[in-house]
Full PDB file with SEQRES, HELIX, SHEET, SSBOND, CRYST1, ORIGX, SCALE, CONECT and MASTER records, all heavy atoms in Angstrom:
SEQRES   1 A   40  PRO ARG PHE ALA MET VAL SER THR VAL ALA GLY ALA VAL          
SEQRES   2 A   40  ALA ASN ILE ILE LEU ASP PRO ILE PHE ILE PHE VAL PHE          
SEQRES   3 A   40  LYS TRP GLY MET MET GLY ALA ALA VAL ALA THR ILE PHE          
SEQRES   4 A   40  SER                                                          
HELIX    1 AA1 ARG A    2  PRO A   20  1                                  19    
HELIX    2 AA2 ILE A   21  VAL A   25  3                                   5    
HELIX    3 AA3 MET A   30  PHE A   39  1                                  10    
CRYST1    1.000    1.000    1.000  90.00  90.00  90.00 P 1           1          
ORIGX1      1.000000  0.000000  0.000000        0.00000                         
ORIGX2      0.000000  1.000000  0.000000        0.00000                         
ORIGX3      0.000000  0.000000  1.000000        0.00000                         
SCALE1      1.000000  0.000000  0.000000        0.00000                         
SCALE2      0.000000  1.000000  0.000000        0.00000                         
SCALE3      0.000000  0.000000  1.000000        0.00000                         
ATOM      1  N   PRO A   1       2.011  -9.969 -20.692  1.00  0.00           N  
ATOM      2  CA  PRO A   1       2.005  -8.575 -20.246  1.00  0.00           C  
ATOM      3  C   PRO A   1       0.797  -8.243 -19.388  1.00  0.00           C  
ATOM      4  O   PRO A   1       0.918  -7.424 -18.436  1.00  0.00           O  
ATOM      5  CB  PRO A   1       1.964  -7.781 -21.540  1.00  0.00           C  
ATOM      6  CG  PRO A   1       1.288  -8.718 -22.593  1.00  0.00           C  
ATOM      7  CD  PRO A   1       1.849 -10.139 -22.140  1.00  0.00           C  
ATOM      8  N   ARG A   2      -0.386  -8.916 -19.621  1.00  0.00           N  
ATOM      9  CA  ARG A   2      -1.561  -8.659 -18.723  1.00  0.00           C  
ATOM     10  C   ARG A   2      -1.254  -9.027 -17.283  1.00  0.00           C  
ATOM     11  O   ARG A   2      -1.603  -8.251 -16.343  1.00  0.00           O  
ATOM     12  CB  ARG A   2      -2.740  -9.374 -19.269  1.00  0.00           C  
ATOM     13  CG  ARG A   2      -3.971  -9.183 -18.463  1.00  0.00           C  
ATOM     14  CD  ARG A   2      -5.198  -9.794 -19.096  1.00  0.00           C  
ATOM     15  NE  ARG A   2      -5.415  -9.308 -20.429  1.00  0.00           N  
ATOM     16  CZ  ARG A   2      -6.406  -9.752 -21.288  1.00  0.00           C  
ATOM     17  NH1 ARG A   2      -7.146 -10.769 -20.811  1.00  0.00           N  
ATOM     18  NH2 ARG A   2      -6.563  -9.325 -22.469  1.00  0.00           N  
ATOM     19  N   PHE A   3      -0.662 -10.186 -17.038  1.00  0.00           N  
ATOM     20  CA  PHE A   3      -0.270 -10.708 -15.754  1.00  0.00           C  
ATOM     21  C   PHE A   3       0.662  -9.718 -15.091  1.00  0.00           C  
ATOM     22  O   PHE A   3       0.559  -9.385 -13.867  1.00  0.00           O  
ATOM     23  CB  PHE A   3       0.244 -12.042 -15.862  1.00  0.00           C  
ATOM     24  CG  PHE A   3       0.332 -12.805 -14.490  1.00  0.00           C  
ATOM     25  CD1 PHE A   3      -0.649 -13.682 -14.102  1.00  0.00           C  
ATOM     26  CD2 PHE A   3       1.352 -12.534 -13.586  1.00  0.00           C  
ATOM     27  CE1 PHE A   3      -0.604 -14.324 -12.870  1.00  0.00           C  
ATOM     28  CE2 PHE A   3       1.392 -13.183 -12.323  1.00  0.00           C  
ATOM     29  CZ  PHE A   3       0.437 -14.109 -11.976  1.00  0.00           C  
ATOM     30  N   ALA A   4       1.716  -9.227 -15.907  1.00  0.00           N  
ATOM     31  CA  ALA A   4       2.672  -8.307 -15.269  1.00  0.00           C  
ATOM     32  C   ALA A   4       1.953  -7.065 -14.842  1.00  0.00           C  
ATOM     33  O   ALA A   4       2.334  -6.465 -13.835  1.00  0.00           O  
ATOM     34  CB  ALA A   4       3.744  -7.982 -16.376  1.00  0.00           C  
ATOM     35  N   MET A   5       1.029  -6.556 -15.745  1.00  0.00           N  
ATOM     36  CA  MET A   5       0.336  -5.400 -15.381  1.00  0.00           C  
ATOM     37  C   MET A   5      -0.531  -5.583 -14.131  1.00  0.00           C  
ATOM     38  O   MET A   5      -0.581  -4.693 -13.240  1.00  0.00           O  
ATOM     39  CB  MET A   5      -0.617  -4.952 -16.554  1.00  0.00           C  
ATOM     40  CG  MET A   5      -1.414  -3.657 -16.293  1.00  0.00           C  
ATOM     41  SD  MET A   5      -2.709  -3.362 -17.535  1.00  0.00           S  
ATOM     42  CE  MET A   5      -3.894  -4.745 -17.146  1.00  0.00           C  
ATOM     43  N   VAL A   6      -1.202  -6.715 -14.056  1.00  0.00           N  
ATOM     44  CA  VAL A   6      -2.018  -6.915 -12.905  1.00  0.00           C  
ATOM     45  C   VAL A   6      -1.195  -6.971 -11.548  1.00  0.00           C  
ATOM     46  O   VAL A   6      -1.600  -6.420 -10.502  1.00  0.00           O  
ATOM     47  CB  VAL A   6      -2.821  -8.341 -13.038  1.00  0.00           C  
ATOM     48  CG1 VAL A   6      -3.478  -8.744 -11.705  1.00  0.00           C  
ATOM     49  CG2 VAL A   6      -3.803  -8.243 -14.153  1.00  0.00           C  
ATOM     50  N   SER A   7      -0.065  -7.547 -11.642  1.00  0.00           N  
ATOM     51  CA  SER A   7       0.840  -7.586 -10.422  1.00  0.00           C  
ATOM     52  C   SER A   7       1.182  -6.244  -9.969  1.00  0.00           C  
ATOM     53  O   SER A   7       1.203  -5.913  -8.776  1.00  0.00           O  
ATOM     54  CB  SER A   7       2.080  -8.458 -10.738  1.00  0.00           C  
ATOM     55  OG  SER A   7       3.010  -7.740 -11.649  1.00  0.00           O  
ATOM     56  N   THR A   8       1.481  -5.319 -10.921  1.00  0.00           N  
ATOM     57  CA  THR A   8       1.772  -3.896 -10.581  1.00  0.00           C  
ATOM     58  C   THR A   8       0.539  -3.209 -10.043  1.00  0.00           C  
ATOM     59  O   THR A   8       0.651  -2.515  -9.004  1.00  0.00           O  
ATOM     60  CB  THR A   8       2.325  -3.227 -11.848  1.00  0.00           C  
ATOM     61  OG1 THR A   8       3.454  -3.875 -12.343  1.00  0.00           O  
ATOM     62  CG2 THR A   8       2.696  -1.664 -11.496  1.00  0.00           C  
ATOM     63  N   VAL A   9      -0.583  -3.402 -10.740  1.00  0.00           N  
ATOM     64  CA  VAL A   9      -1.793  -2.772 -10.224  1.00  0.00           C  
ATOM     65  C   VAL A   9      -2.263  -3.197  -8.826  1.00  0.00           C  
ATOM     66  O   VAL A   9      -2.680  -2.440  -8.010  1.00  0.00           O  
ATOM     67  CB  VAL A   9      -2.948  -2.955 -11.331  1.00  0.00           C  
ATOM     68  CG1 VAL A   9      -4.280  -2.453 -10.789  1.00  0.00           C  
ATOM     69  CG2 VAL A   9      -2.560  -2.287 -12.611  1.00  0.00           C  
ATOM     70  N   ALA A  10      -2.052  -4.516  -8.670  1.00  0.00           N  
ATOM     71  CA  ALA A  10      -2.507  -5.059  -7.324  1.00  0.00           C  
ATOM     72  C   ALA A  10      -1.697  -4.430  -6.256  1.00  0.00           C  
ATOM     73  O   ALA A  10      -2.238  -4.107  -5.216  1.00  0.00           O  
ATOM     74  CB  ALA A  10      -2.178  -6.631  -7.384  1.00  0.00           C  
ATOM     75  N   GLY A  11      -0.362  -4.361  -6.428  1.00  0.00           N  
ATOM     76  CA  GLY A  11       0.485  -3.554  -5.429  1.00  0.00           C  
ATOM     77  C   GLY A  11       0.092  -2.163  -5.226  1.00  0.00           C  
ATOM     78  O   GLY A  11       0.038  -1.632  -4.106  1.00  0.00           O  
ATOM     79  N   ALA A  12      -0.276  -1.461  -6.294  1.00  0.00           N  
ATOM     80  CA  ALA A  12      -0.694  -0.064  -6.246  1.00  0.00           C  
ATOM     81  C   ALA A  12      -1.965   0.001  -5.463  1.00  0.00           C  
ATOM     82  O   ALA A  12      -2.033   0.980  -4.611  1.00  0.00           O  
ATOM     83  CB  ALA A  12      -0.789   0.521  -7.596  1.00  0.00           C  
ATOM     84  N   VAL A  13      -2.941  -0.801  -5.747  1.00  0.00           N  
ATOM     85  CA  VAL A  13      -4.244  -0.733  -5.090  1.00  0.00           C  
ATOM     86  C   VAL A  13      -4.048  -1.002  -3.583  1.00  0.00           C  
ATOM     87  O   VAL A  13      -4.642  -0.371  -2.706  1.00  0.00           O  
ATOM     88  CB  VAL A  13      -5.273  -1.715  -5.730  1.00  0.00           C  
ATOM     89  CG1 VAL A  13      -6.514  -1.803  -4.852  1.00  0.00           C  
ATOM     90  CG2 VAL A  13      -5.540  -1.260  -7.151  1.00  0.00           C  
ATOM     91  N   ALA A  14      -3.243  -2.055  -3.265  1.00  0.00           N  
ATOM     92  CA  ALA A  14      -2.954  -2.369  -1.872  1.00  0.00           C  
ATOM     93  C   ALA A  14      -2.360  -1.185  -1.160  1.00  0.00           C  
ATOM     94  O   ALA A  14      -2.709  -0.894  -0.054  1.00  0.00           O  
ATOM     95  CB  ALA A  14      -2.045  -3.606  -1.818  1.00  0.00           C  
ATOM     96  N   ASN A  15      -1.460  -0.470  -1.780  1.00  0.00           N  
ATOM     97  CA  ASN A  15      -0.860   0.780  -1.220  1.00  0.00           C  
ATOM     98  C   ASN A  15      -1.764   1.778  -0.932  1.00  0.00           C  
ATOM     99  O   ASN A  15      -1.768   2.452   0.128  1.00  0.00           O  
ATOM    100  CB  ASN A  15       0.348   1.302  -2.124  1.00  0.00           C  
ATOM    101  CG  ASN A  15       1.256   2.068  -1.336  1.00  0.00           C  
ATOM    102  OD1 ASN A  15       1.148   2.267  -0.214  1.00  0.00           O  
ATOM    103  ND2 ASN A  15       2.289   2.574  -2.107  1.00  0.00           N  
ATOM    104  N   ILE A  16      -2.698   2.028  -1.891  1.00  0.00           N  
ATOM    105  CA  ILE A  16      -3.721   3.077  -1.729  1.00  0.00           C  
ATOM    106  C   ILE A  16      -4.651   2.777  -0.589  1.00  0.00           C  
ATOM    107  O   ILE A  16      -5.080   3.689   0.171  1.00  0.00           O  
ATOM    108  CB  ILE A  16      -4.553   3.261  -3.091  1.00  0.00           C  
ATOM    109  CG1 ILE A  16      -3.698   3.762  -4.248  1.00  0.00           C  
ATOM    110  CG2 ILE A  16      -5.795   4.174  -2.921  1.00  0.00           C  
ATOM    111  CD1 ILE A  16      -4.316   3.799  -5.541  1.00  0.00           C  
ATOM    112  N   ILE A  17      -5.083   1.506  -0.397  1.00  0.00           N  
ATOM    113  CA  ILE A  17      -5.965   1.096   0.656  1.00  0.00           C  
ATOM    114  C   ILE A  17      -5.248   1.203   1.998  1.00  0.00           C  
ATOM    115  O   ILE A  17      -5.872   1.624   3.004  1.00  0.00           O  
ATOM    116  CB  ILE A  17      -6.480  -0.258   0.365  1.00  0.00           C  
ATOM    117  CG1 ILE A  17      -7.413  -0.273  -0.848  1.00  0.00           C  
ATOM    118  CG2 ILE A  17      -7.312  -0.767   1.560  1.00  0.00           C  
ATOM    119  CD1 ILE A  17      -7.822  -1.626  -1.375  1.00  0.00           C  
ATOM    120  N   LEU A  18      -4.022   0.723   2.013  1.00  0.00           N  
ATOM    121  CA  LEU A  18      -3.383   0.546   3.339  1.00  0.00           C  
ATOM    122  C   LEU A  18      -2.774   1.851   3.883  1.00  0.00           C  
ATOM    123  O   LEU A  18      -2.629   2.003   5.063  1.00  0.00           O  
ATOM    124  CB  LEU A  18      -2.246  -0.485   3.238  1.00  0.00           C  
ATOM    125  CG  LEU A  18      -2.742  -1.931   3.019  1.00  0.00           C  
ATOM    126  CD1 LEU A  18      -1.599  -2.883   2.761  1.00  0.00           C  
ATOM    127  CD2 LEU A  18      -3.570  -2.405   4.209  1.00  0.00           C  
ATOM    128  N   ASP A  19      -2.437   2.786   3.022  1.00  0.00           N  
ATOM    129  CA  ASP A  19      -1.884   4.041   3.449  1.00  0.00           C  
ATOM    130  C   ASP A  19      -2.718   4.743   4.517  1.00  0.00           C  
ATOM    131  O   ASP A  19      -2.205   4.992   5.566  1.00  0.00           O  
ATOM    132  CB  ASP A  19      -1.552   4.938   2.226  1.00  0.00           C  
ATOM    133  CG  ASP A  19      -0.058   4.967   1.840  1.00  0.00           C  
ATOM    134  OD1 ASP A  19       0.729   4.652   2.689  1.00  0.00           O  
ATOM    135  OD2 ASP A  19       0.196   5.188   0.730  1.00  0.00           O  
ATOM    136  N   PRO A  20      -3.923   5.119   4.175  1.00  0.00           N  
ATOM    137  CA  PRO A  20      -4.734   5.785   5.284  1.00  0.00           C  
ATOM    138  C   PRO A  20      -5.004   4.949   6.495  1.00  0.00           C  
ATOM    139  O   PRO A  20      -5.105   5.427   7.630  1.00  0.00           O  
ATOM    140  CB  PRO A  20      -6.109   6.096   4.481  1.00  0.00           C  
ATOM    141  CG  PRO A  20      -6.136   5.121   3.408  1.00  0.00           C  
ATOM    142  CD  PRO A  20      -4.699   4.860   3.015  1.00  0.00           C  
ATOM    143  N   ILE A  21      -5.048   3.600   6.313  1.00  0.00           N  
ATOM    144  CA  ILE A  21      -5.347   2.681   7.458  1.00  0.00           C  
ATOM    145  C   ILE A  21      -4.163   2.782   8.466  1.00  0.00           C  
ATOM    146  O   ILE A  21      -4.304   2.993   9.623  1.00  0.00           O  
ATOM    147  CB  ILE A  21      -5.671   1.253   7.020  1.00  0.00           C  
ATOM    148  CG1 ILE A  21      -6.927   1.237   6.162  1.00  0.00           C  
ATOM    149  CG2 ILE A  21      -5.660   0.342   8.200  1.00  0.00           C  
ATOM    150  CD1 ILE A  21      -7.228  -0.128   5.616  1.00  0.00           C  
ATOM    151  N   PHE A  22      -2.965   2.589   7.869  1.00  0.00           N  
ATOM    152  CA  PHE A  22      -1.731   2.568   8.655  1.00  0.00           C  
ATOM    153  C   PHE A  22      -1.374   3.969   9.266  1.00  0.00           C  
ATOM    154  O   PHE A  22      -0.891   4.043  10.328  1.00  0.00           O  
ATOM    155  CB  PHE A  22      -0.500   2.014   7.881  1.00  0.00           C  
ATOM    156  CG  PHE A  22      -0.629   0.541   7.626  1.00  0.00           C  
ATOM    157  CD1 PHE A  22       0.308  -0.024   6.784  1.00  0.00           C  
ATOM    158  CD2 PHE A  22      -1.629  -0.297   8.156  1.00  0.00           C  
ATOM    159  CE1 PHE A  22       0.211  -1.395   6.436  1.00  0.00           C  
ATOM    160  CE2 PHE A  22      -1.672  -1.668   8.016  1.00  0.00           C  
ATOM    161  CZ  PHE A  22      -0.809  -2.229   7.063  1.00  0.00           C  
ATOM    162  N   ILE A  23      -1.626   4.949   8.498  1.00  0.00           N  
ATOM    163  CA  ILE A  23      -1.176   6.265   8.989  1.00  0.00           C  
ATOM    164  C   ILE A  23      -2.228   6.892   9.952  1.00  0.00           C  
ATOM    165  O   ILE A  23      -1.856   7.352  10.963  1.00  0.00           O  
ATOM    166  CB  ILE A  23      -1.104   7.247   7.693  1.00  0.00           C  
ATOM    167  CG1 ILE A  23       0.063   6.804   6.830  1.00  0.00           C  
ATOM    168  CG2 ILE A  23      -0.827   8.637   8.167  1.00  0.00           C  
ATOM    169  CD1 ILE A  23       0.060   7.600   5.512  1.00  0.00           C  
ATOM    170  N   PHE A  24      -3.501   6.765   9.636  1.00  0.00           N  
ATOM    171  CA  PHE A  24      -4.547   7.428  10.428  1.00  0.00           C  
ATOM    172  C   PHE A  24      -5.231   6.573  11.387  1.00  0.00           C  
ATOM    173  O   PHE A  24      -5.513   6.971  12.510  1.00  0.00           O  
ATOM    174  CB  PHE A  24      -5.620   8.149   9.486  1.00  0.00           C  
ATOM    175  CG  PHE A  24      -4.946   9.154   8.531  1.00  0.00           C  
ATOM    176  CD1 PHE A  24      -4.968   8.903   7.195  1.00  0.00           C  
ATOM    177  CD2 PHE A  24      -4.513  10.322   9.045  1.00  0.00           C  
ATOM    178  CE1 PHE A  24      -4.428   9.768   6.321  1.00  0.00           C  
ATOM    179  CE2 PHE A  24      -3.923  11.207   8.221  1.00  0.00           C  
ATOM    180  CZ  PHE A  24      -3.859  10.947   6.808  1.00  0.00           C  
ATOM    181  N   VAL A  25      -5.581   5.283  11.049  1.00  0.00           N  
ATOM    182  CA  VAL A  25      -6.247   4.397  11.959  1.00  0.00           C  
ATOM    183  C   VAL A  25      -5.282   3.850  12.980  1.00  0.00           C  
ATOM    184  O   VAL A  25      -5.540   3.932  14.150  1.00  0.00           O  
ATOM    185  CB  VAL A  25      -6.931   3.260  11.125  1.00  0.00           C  
ATOM    186  CG1 VAL A  25      -7.690   2.335  12.077  1.00  0.00           C  
ATOM    187  CG2 VAL A  25      -8.005   3.897  10.190  1.00  0.00           C  
ATOM    188  N   PHE A  26      -4.130   3.285  12.490  1.00  0.00           N  
ATOM    189  CA  PHE A  26      -3.169   2.789  13.388  1.00  0.00           C  
ATOM    190  C   PHE A  26      -2.255   3.831  13.970  1.00  0.00           C  
ATOM    191  O   PHE A  26      -1.539   3.575  14.990  1.00  0.00           O  
ATOM    192  CB  PHE A  26      -2.310   1.703  12.682  1.00  0.00           C  
ATOM    193  CG  PHE A  26      -2.991   0.443  12.328  1.00  0.00           C  
ATOM    194  CD1 PHE A  26      -2.436  -0.513  11.587  1.00  0.00           C  
ATOM    195  CD2 PHE A  26      -4.378   0.271  12.672  1.00  0.00           C  
ATOM    196  CE1 PHE A  26      -3.061  -1.768  11.227  1.00  0.00           C  
ATOM    197  CE2 PHE A  26      -5.032  -0.917  12.370  1.00  0.00           C  
ATOM    198  CZ  PHE A  26      -4.409  -1.879  11.604  1.00  0.00           C  
ATOM    199  N   LYS A  27      -2.302   4.971  13.395  1.00  0.00           N  
ATOM    200  CA  LYS A  27      -1.545   6.158  13.878  1.00  0.00           C  
ATOM    201  C   LYS A  27       0.017   5.833  13.863  1.00  0.00           C  
ATOM    202  O   LYS A  27       0.723   6.173  14.783  1.00  0.00           O  
ATOM    203  CB  LYS A  27      -2.031   6.611  15.303  1.00  0.00           C  
ATOM    204  CG  LYS A  27      -3.428   6.992  15.323  1.00  0.00           C  
ATOM    205  CD  LYS A  27      -3.734   7.601  16.661  1.00  0.00           C  
ATOM    206  CE  LYS A  27      -5.317   7.868  16.816  1.00  0.00           C  
ATOM    207  NZ  LYS A  27      -5.746   8.825  15.809  1.00  0.00           N  
ATOM    208  N   TRP A  28       0.444   5.266  12.821  1.00  0.00           N  
ATOM    209  CA  TRP A  28       1.752   4.867  12.524  1.00  0.00           C  
ATOM    210  C   TRP A  28       2.655   6.007  11.955  1.00  0.00           C  
ATOM    211  O   TRP A  28       3.900   5.898  11.867  1.00  0.00           O  
ATOM    212  CB  TRP A  28       2.009   3.599  11.914  1.00  0.00           C  
ATOM    213  CG  TRP A  28       1.653   2.396  12.668  1.00  0.00           C  
ATOM    214  CD1 TRP A  28       1.316   2.324  13.960  1.00  0.00           C  
ATOM    215  CD2 TRP A  28       1.471   1.037  12.141  1.00  0.00           C  
ATOM    216  NE1 TRP A  28       1.069   1.070  14.318  1.00  0.00           N  
ATOM    217  CE2 TRP A  28       1.079   0.237  13.184  1.00  0.00           C  
ATOM    218  CE3 TRP A  28       1.647   0.479  10.928  1.00  0.00           C  
ATOM    219  CZ2 TRP A  28       0.928  -1.176  13.113  1.00  0.00           C  
ATOM    220  CZ3 TRP A  28       1.460  -0.958  10.727  1.00  0.00           C  
ATOM    221  CH2 TRP A  28       1.125  -1.730  11.865  1.00  0.00           C  
ATOM    222  N   GLY A  29       2.056   7.056  11.419  1.00  0.00           N  
ATOM    223  CA  GLY A  29       2.682   8.148  10.800  1.00  0.00           C  
ATOM    224  C   GLY A  29       3.477   7.687   9.593  1.00  0.00           C  
ATOM    225  O   GLY A  29       3.051   6.962   8.771  1.00  0.00           O  
ATOM    226  N   MET A  30       4.725   8.307   9.551  1.00  0.00           N  
ATOM    227  CA  MET A  30       5.674   7.950   8.479  1.00  0.00           C  
ATOM    228  C   MET A  30       5.947   6.455   8.368  1.00  0.00           C  
ATOM    229  O   MET A  30       6.095   5.942   7.262  1.00  0.00           O  
ATOM    230  CB  MET A  30       6.902   8.735   8.553  1.00  0.00           C  
ATOM    231  CG  MET A  30       6.710  10.273   8.468  1.00  0.00           C  
ATOM    232  SD  MET A  30       6.022  10.779   6.894  1.00  0.00           S  
ATOM    233  CE  MET A  30       7.224  10.322   5.703  1.00  0.00           C  
ATOM    234  N   MET A  31       6.010   5.857   9.481  1.00  0.00           N  
ATOM    235  CA  MET A  31       6.260   4.375   9.432  1.00  0.00           C  
ATOM    236  C   MET A  31       5.129   3.677   8.714  1.00  0.00           C  
ATOM    237  O   MET A  31       5.286   2.777   8.000  1.00  0.00           O  
ATOM    238  CB  MET A  31       6.439   3.852  10.881  1.00  0.00           C  
ATOM    239  CG  MET A  31       6.742   2.340  10.921  1.00  0.00           C  
ATOM    240  SD  MET A  31       6.749   1.589  12.685  1.00  0.00           S  
ATOM    241  CE  MET A  31       4.962   1.417  12.816  1.00  0.00           C  
ATOM    242  N   GLY A  32       3.843   4.113   9.046  1.00  0.00           N  
ATOM    243  CA  GLY A  32       2.668   3.524   8.386  1.00  0.00           C  
ATOM    244  C   GLY A  32       2.759   3.632   6.833  1.00  0.00           C  
ATOM    245  O   GLY A  32       2.392   2.685   6.157  1.00  0.00           O  
ATOM    246  N   ALA A  33       3.160   4.793   6.368  1.00  0.00           N  
ATOM    247  CA  ALA A  33       3.256   5.056   4.895  1.00  0.00           C  
ATOM    248  C   ALA A  33       4.330   4.094   4.280  1.00  0.00           C  
ATOM    249  O   ALA A  33       4.084   3.487   3.254  1.00  0.00           O  
ATOM    250  CB  ALA A  33       3.689   6.495   4.659  1.00  0.00           C  
ATOM    251  N   ALA A  34       5.451   3.948   4.983  1.00  0.00           N  
ATOM    252  CA  ALA A  34       6.490   3.058   4.567  1.00  0.00           C  
ATOM    253  C   ALA A  34       6.067   1.570   4.580  1.00  0.00           C  
ATOM    254  O   ALA A  34       6.280   0.814   3.613  1.00  0.00           O  
ATOM    255  CB  ALA A  34       7.738   3.217   5.351  1.00  0.00           C  
ATOM    256  N   VAL A  35       5.461   1.203   5.609  1.00  0.00           N  
ATOM    257  CA  VAL A  35       5.021  -0.193   5.782  1.00  0.00           C  
ATOM    258  C   VAL A  35       3.949  -0.578   4.787  1.00  0.00           C  
ATOM    259  O   VAL A  35       3.930  -1.676   4.196  1.00  0.00           O  
ATOM    260  CB  VAL A  35       4.545  -0.529   7.228  1.00  0.00           C  
ATOM    261  CG1 VAL A  35       3.861  -1.889   7.352  1.00  0.00           C  
ATOM    262  CG2 VAL A  35       5.609  -0.422   8.217  1.00  0.00           C  
ATOM    263  N   ALA A  36       3.036   0.367   4.494  1.00  0.00           N  
ATOM    264  CA  ALA A  36       2.009   0.177   3.459  1.00  0.00           C  
ATOM    265  C   ALA A  36       2.789  -0.068   2.191  1.00  0.00           C  
ATOM    266  O   ALA A  36       2.260  -0.911   1.369  1.00  0.00           O  
ATOM    267  CB  ALA A  36       1.057   1.371   3.399  1.00  0.00           C  
ATOM    268  N   THR A  37       3.668   0.680   1.825  1.00  0.00           N  
ATOM    269  CA  THR A  37       4.460   0.564   0.505  1.00  0.00           C  
ATOM    270  C   THR A  37       5.198  -0.769   0.480  1.00  0.00           C  
ATOM    271  O   THR A  37       5.070  -1.491  -0.550  1.00  0.00           O  
ATOM    272  CB  THR A  37       5.547   1.673   0.408  1.00  0.00           C  
ATOM    273  OG1 THR A  37       4.878   2.941   0.423  1.00  0.00           O  
ATOM    274  CG2 THR A  37       6.269   1.536  -0.806  1.00  0.00           C  
ATOM    275  N   ILE A  38       5.738  -1.160   1.595  1.00  0.00           N  
ATOM    276  CA  ILE A  38       6.506  -2.495   1.641  1.00  0.00           C  
ATOM    277  C   ILE A  38       5.476  -3.639   1.447  1.00  0.00           C  
ATOM    278  O   ILE A  38       5.745  -4.557   0.684  1.00  0.00           O  
ATOM    279  CB  ILE A  38       7.234  -2.631   2.946  1.00  0.00           C  
ATOM    280  CG1 ILE A  38       8.373  -1.623   3.024  1.00  0.00           C  
ATOM    281  CG2 ILE A  38       7.793  -4.043   3.017  1.00  0.00           C  
ATOM    282  CD1 ILE A  38       9.029  -1.590   4.399  1.00  0.00           C  
ATOM    283  N   PHE A  39       4.345  -3.430   2.132  1.00  0.00           N  
ATOM    284  CA  PHE A  39       3.307  -4.540   1.985  1.00  0.00           C  
ATOM    285  C   PHE A  39       2.892  -4.631   0.502  1.00  0.00           C  
ATOM    286  O   PHE A  39       2.673  -5.745   0.092  1.00  0.00           O  
ATOM    287  CB  PHE A  39       2.111  -4.212   2.935  1.00  0.00           C  
ATOM    288  CG  PHE A  39       1.165  -5.375   2.962  1.00  0.00           C  
ATOM    289  CD1 PHE A  39       1.251  -6.382   3.926  1.00  0.00           C  
ATOM    290  CD2 PHE A  39       0.032  -5.417   2.170  1.00  0.00           C  
ATOM    291  CE1 PHE A  39       0.456  -7.373   4.136  1.00  0.00           C  
ATOM    292  CE2 PHE A  39      -0.894  -6.516   2.226  1.00  0.00           C  
ATOM    293  CZ  PHE A  39      -0.580  -7.438   3.224  1.00  0.00           C  
ATOM    294  N   SER A  40       2.646  -3.523  -0.113  1.00  0.00           N  
ATOM    295  CA  SER A  40       2.152  -3.504  -1.526  1.00  0.00           C  
ATOM    296  C   SER A  40       3.136  -4.209  -2.351  1.00  0.00           C  
ATOM    297  O   SER A  40       2.864  -4.838  -3.339  1.00  0.00           O  
ATOM    298  CB  SER A  40       1.831  -2.114  -2.002  1.00  0.00           C  
ATOM    299  OG  SER A  40       2.952  -1.275  -2.070  1.00  0.00           O  
TER     300      SER A  40                                                      
MASTER        0    0    0    3    0    0    0    6  299    1    0    4          
END                                                                             
């Protein structure tokens, strides 16, 4: 269960980090939010 939890948390953390980068830095807007989610 710990490994399963880590896999979920890893994706969530990646999403939190990438969302502002893709949306505001790359200026991808809604596409950036979606791509960040897919990447996570």
